[in-house]
C-alpha atoms as a PDB file:
ATOM      1  CA  MET A   1     -33.102 -17.071  10.775  1.00  0.00           C
ATOM      2  CA  GLN A   2     -31.066 -17.388  13.664  1.00  0.00           C
ATOM      3  CA  THR A   3     -28.616 -19.534  11.472  1.00  0.00           C
ATOM      4  CA  LEU A   4     -28.436 -16.960   8.945  1.00  0.00           C
ATOM      5  CA  LEU A   5     -27.597 -14.308  11.352  1.00  0.00           C
ATOM      6  CA  PHE A   6     -24.579 -16.432  12.445  1.00  0.00           C
ATOM      7  CA  LEU A   7     -23.089 -16.889   9.324  1.00  0.00           C
ATOM      8  CA  ALA A   8     -23.477 -13.349   8.212  1.00  0.00           C
ATOM      9  CA  ALA A   9     -21.750 -12.676  11.569  1.00  0.00           C
ATOM     10  CA  LEU A  10     -18.980 -15.275  11.289  1.00  0.00           C
ATOM     11  CA  LEU A  11     -18.567 -13.927   7.178  1.00  0.00           C
ATOM     12  CA  THR A  12     -18.031 -10.386   8.578  1.00  0.00           C
ATOM     13  CA  LEU A  13     -15.182 -11.125  11.282  1.00  0.00           C
ATOM     14  CA  ALA A  14     -13.907 -13.528   8.392  1.00  0.00           C
ATOM     15  CA  LEU A  15     -13.149 -10.049   6.201  1.00  0.00           C
ATOM     16  CA  PRO A  16     -10.424  -8.150   6.670  1.00  0.00           C
ATOM     17  CA  LEU A  17     -10.650  -4.646   7.968  1.00  0.00           C
ATOM     18  CA  GLY A  18     -10.375  -1.617   5.655  1.00  0.00           C
ATOM     19  CA  GLY A  19     -10.215  -3.604   2.580  1.00  0.00           C
ATOM     20  CA  ALA A  20      -7.067  -5.181   3.161  1.00  0.00           C
ATOM     21  CA  LEU A  21      -6.286  -8.764   2.045  1.00  0.00           C
ATOM     22  CA  ALA A  22      -3.851 -10.840   3.311  1.00  0.00           C
ATOM     23  CA  GLN A  23      -0.751 -10.826   0.990  1.00  0.00           C
ATOM     24  CA  ASP A  24       0.855 -14.183   0.016  1.00  0.00           C
ATOM     25  CA  ALA A  25       4.365 -14.680  -1.366  1.00  0.00           C
ATOM     26  CA  ASP A  26       4.027 -17.884  -2.349  1.00  0.00           C
ATOM     27  CA  ARG A  27       0.679 -17.146  -4.498  1.00  0.00           C
ATOM     28  CA  GLY A  28       3.040 -14.221  -5.536  1.00  0.00           C
ATOM     29  CA  GLN A  29       5.742 -16.614  -6.693  1.00  0.00           C
ATOM     30  CA  ALA A  30       3.192 -19.006  -8.523  1.00  0.00           C
ATOM     31  CA  LEU A  31       1.867 -15.639 -10.426  1.00  0.00           C
ATOM     32  CA  TYR A  32       5.524 -14.572 -11.301  1.00  0.00           C
ATOM     33  CA  ALA A  33       6.474 -17.912 -12.994  1.00  0.00           C
ATOM     34  CA  VAL A  34       3.165 -17.600 -15.173  1.00  0.00           C
ATOM     35  CA  HIS A  35       3.296 -14.516 -16.181  1.00  0.00           C
ATOM     36  CA  CYS A  36       6.600 -12.804 -15.331  1.00  0.00           C
ATOM     37  CA  ALA A  37       9.343 -15.114 -15.969  1.00  0.00           C
ATOM     38  CA  THR A  38       9.387 -15.377 -19.345  1.00  0.00           C
ATOM     39  CA  CYS A  39      10.962 -11.757 -19.889  1.00  0.00           C
ATOM     40  CA  HIS A  40      12.398 -11.200 -16.394  1.00  0.00           C
ATOM     41  CA  GLY A  41      13.740 -14.403 -15.777  1.00  0.00           C
ATOM     42  CA  LEU A  42      12.975 -17.292 -12.976  1.00  0.00           C
ATOM     43  CA  ASP A  43      15.663 -15.325 -10.741  1.00  0.00           C
ATOM     44  CA  GLY A  44      14.388 -11.897 -11.810  1.00  0.00           C
ATOM     45  CA  ARG A  45      17.738 -10.485 -12.782  1.00  0.00           C
ATOM     46  CA  GLY A  46      15.571  -9.585 -16.332  1.00  0.00           C
ATOM     47  CA  GLU A  47      17.489 -12.539 -18.274  1.00  0.00           C
ATOM     48  CA  GLY A  48      14.275 -14.469 -19.135  1.00  0.00           C
ATOM     49  CA  PRO A  49      13.939 -16.351 -22.432  1.00  0.00           C
ATOM     50  CA  MET A  50      12.208 -13.606 -24.438  1.00  0.00           C
ATOM     51  CA  ALA A  51      14.196 -10.836 -22.904  1.00  0.00           C
ATOM     52  CA  GLY A  52      16.224 -10.923 -26.234  1.00  0.00           C
ATOM     53  CA  VAL A  53      13.448  -9.699 -28.359  1.00  0.00           C
ATOM     54  CA  LEU A  54      12.521  -7.052 -26.427  1.00  0.00           C
ATOM     55  CA  MET A  55      12.972  -3.368 -27.258  1.00  0.00           C
ATOM     56  CA  ILE A  56      13.805  -2.184 -23.651  1.00  0.00           C
ATOM     57  CA  LYS A  57      15.881  -4.700 -21.527  1.00  0.00           C
ATOM     58  CA  PRO A  58      13.409  -6.212 -18.933  1.00  0.00           C
ATOM     59  CA  ALA A  59      14.551  -4.719 -15.364  1.00  0.00           C
ATOM     60  CA  ASN A  60      16.171  -6.366 -12.915  1.00  0.00           C
ATOM     61  CA  LEU A  61      13.888  -7.315 -10.517  1.00  0.00           C
ATOM     62  CA  THR A  62      15.864  -7.918  -7.446  1.00  0.00           C
ATOM     63  CA  GLU A  63      18.078  -4.442  -7.602  1.00  0.00           C
ATOM     64  CA  LEU A  64      14.443  -2.301  -7.313  1.00  0.00           C
ATOM     65  CA  ALA A  65      15.294  -1.519  -3.855  1.00  0.00           C
ATOM     66  CA  ALA A  66      18.882  -0.592  -4.318  1.00  0.00           C
ATOM     67  CA  ALA A  67      18.042   1.468  -7.129  1.00  0.00           C
ATOM     68  CA  ASN A  68      15.651   3.155  -4.614  1.00  0.00           C
ATOM     69  CA  GLY A  69      18.141   4.255  -1.989  1.00  0.00           C
ATOM     70  CA  GLY A  70      17.662   0.677  -0.147  1.00  0.00           C
ATOM     71  CA  ALA A  71      13.653   0.990   0.044  1.00  0.00           C
ATOM     72  CA  PHE A  72      11.145  -1.189  -1.781  1.00  0.00           C
ATOM     73  CA  PRO A  73       9.351   0.988  -4.137  1.00  0.00           C
ATOM     74  CA  LEU A  74       5.972  -0.328  -3.566  1.00  0.00           C
ATOM     75  CA  GLU A  75       3.429   2.346  -5.021  1.00  0.00           C
ATOM     76  CA  ARG A  76       5.638   2.650  -7.806  1.00  0.00           C
ATOM     77  CA  VAL A  77       5.875  -0.990  -8.472  1.00  0.00           C
ATOM     78  CA  VAL A  78       2.283  -1.970  -8.009  1.00  0.00           C
ATOM     79  CA  LYS A  79       0.980   0.932 -10.411  1.00  0.00           C
ATOM     80  CA  ARG A  80       3.654  -0.574 -12.615  1.00  0.00           C
ATOM     81  CA  ILE A  81       2.287  -3.656 -12.652  1.00  0.00           C
ATOM     82  CA  ASP A  82      -1.493  -3.028 -12.367  1.00  0.00           C
ATOM     83  CA  GLY A  83      -1.173  -0.159 -15.332  1.00  0.00           C
ATOM     84  CA  ARG A  84      -1.720   3.123 -14.182  1.00  0.00           C
ATOM     85  CA  ASP A  85       1.892   3.611 -14.369  1.00  0.00           C
ATOM     86  CA  PRO A  86       1.843   2.500 -18.024  1.00  0.00           C
ATOM     87  CA  LEU A  87       5.376   0.732 -19.261  1.00  0.00           C
ATOM     88  CA  VAL A  88       5.245   0.355 -23.334  1.00  0.00           C
ATOM     89  CA  SER A  89       8.406  -1.904 -23.609  1.00  0.00           C
ATOM     90  CA  HIS A  90       6.198  -4.713 -24.157  1.00  0.00           C
ATOM     91  CA  GLY A  91       4.887  -2.952 -27.262  1.00  0.00           C
ATOM     92  CA  SER A  92       1.608  -2.298 -25.306  1.00  0.00           C
ATOM     93  CA  PRO A  93       1.586  -0.942 -21.968  1.00  0.00           C
ATOM     94  CA  MET A  94       1.714  -3.365 -18.759  1.00  0.00           C
ATOM     95  CA  PRO A  95      -0.233  -5.044 -17.678  1.00  0.00           C
ATOM     96  CA  VAL A  96       0.145  -7.424 -20.682  1.00  0.00           C
ATOM     97  CA  TYR A  97      -2.296  -9.756 -19.090  1.00  0.00           C
ATOM     98  CA  GLY A  98      -5.583  -7.212 -19.036  1.00  0.00           C
ATOM     99  CA  GLN A  99      -8.035  -7.354 -16.254  1.00  0.00           C
ATOM    100  CA  PHE A 100      -6.005  -9.811 -14.313  1.00  0.00           C
ATOM    101  CA  PHE A 101      -3.637  -7.499 -12.849  1.00  0.00           C
ATOM    102  CA  GLY A 102      -5.601  -4.371 -13.665  1.00  0.00           C
ATOM    103  CA  PHE A 103      -7.026  -1.899 -11.063  1.00  0.00           C
ATOM    104  CA  ASP A 104      -9.343  -1.616  -9.259  1.00  0.00           C
ATOM    105  CA  ALA A 105      -9.983   0.493  -6.671  1.00  0.00           C
ATOM    106  CA  ASN A 106     -12.318  -1.709  -4.209  1.00  0.00           C
ATOM    107  CA  ALA A 107     -10.255  -4.803  -4.519  1.00  0.00           C
ATOM    108  CA  ALA A 108      -7.492  -4.838  -2.113  1.00  0.00           C
ATOM    109  CA  LEU A 109      -4.336  -3.045  -0.684  1.00  0.00           C
ATOM    110  CA  ALA A 110      -0.842  -3.570  -0.972  1.00  0.00           C
ATOM    111  CA  GLY A 111       0.692  -2.103   2.109  1.00  0.00           C
ATOM    112  CA  GLU A 112      -1.394   1.447   1.726  1.00  0.00           C
ATOM    113  CA  VAL A 113      -1.557   1.037  -2.390  1.00  0.00           C
ATOM    114  CA  PRO A 114      -5.016  -0.073  -3.575  1.00  0.00           C
ATOM    115  CA  THR A 115      -4.808  -2.692  -6.161  1.00  0.00           C
ATOM    116  CA  VAL A 116      -5.898  -6.081  -6.896  1.00  0.00           C
ATOM    117  CA  GLN A 117      -4.915  -9.451  -4.940  1.00  0.00           C
ATOM    118  CA  PRO A 118      -3.165 -10.862  -7.504  1.00  0.00           C
ATOM    119  CA  VAL A 119      -0.579  -7.743  -7.798  1.00  0.00           C
ATOM    120  CA  ALA A 120      -0.596  -7.461  -3.757  1.00  0.00           C
ATOM    121  CA  ASP A 121       0.822 -11.259  -4.178  1.00  0.00           C
ATOM    122  CA  LEU A 122       3.206 -10.683  -6.732  1.00  0.00           C
ATOM    123  CA  VAL A 123       4.896  -7.337  -5.217  1.00  0.00           C
ATOM    124  CA  THR A 124       4.982  -9.365  -1.811  1.00  0.00           C
ATOM    125  CA  TYR A 125       7.017 -12.128  -3.488  1.00  0.00           C
ATOM    126  CA  LEU A 126       9.074  -9.517  -5.240  1.00  0.00           C
ATOM    127  CA  GLN A 127       9.979  -8.084  -1.710  1.00  0.00           C
ATOM    128  CA  THR A 128      11.482 -11.541  -1.134  1.00  0.00           C
ATOM    129  CA  LEU A 129      14.005 -11.496  -4.046  1.00  0.00           C
ATOM    130  CA  GLN A 130      15.438  -7.625  -3.480  1.00  0.00           C
ATOM    131  CA  ARG A 131      18.780  -8.382  -2.553  1.00  0.00           C
ATOM    132  CA  ALA A 132      20.947  -6.664   0.045  1.00  0.00           C
ATOM    133  CA  GLU A 133      23.029  -3.644  -0.687  1.00  0.00           C
END
């Protein structure tokens, strides 16, 4: 019984407070390479190998902050990826990877915006791509 209580206390200490999970740009970069680079390009400039066949050109993800007065539009980007702000340029609403990036209010926080852990990691990586104005 004591061992069980000790393990429960240890687990409680290991869990992040307030539902916020650590965001990892390296995990986000790996997710980006698998799920986003085909359209947005490895460098995020919207020139991936599939960009030419899309009805709407993929966004240049390195200019998100510049296009928003220098501030990274965190909430808009999170909601675009997880499907709460639909984008149909792909022939179907984002997220094109369905439940993997789909919104779950109990999952995680990217800053103060609730989302799933993969989206939090991906957005953290996208923030590293922003070029100075």
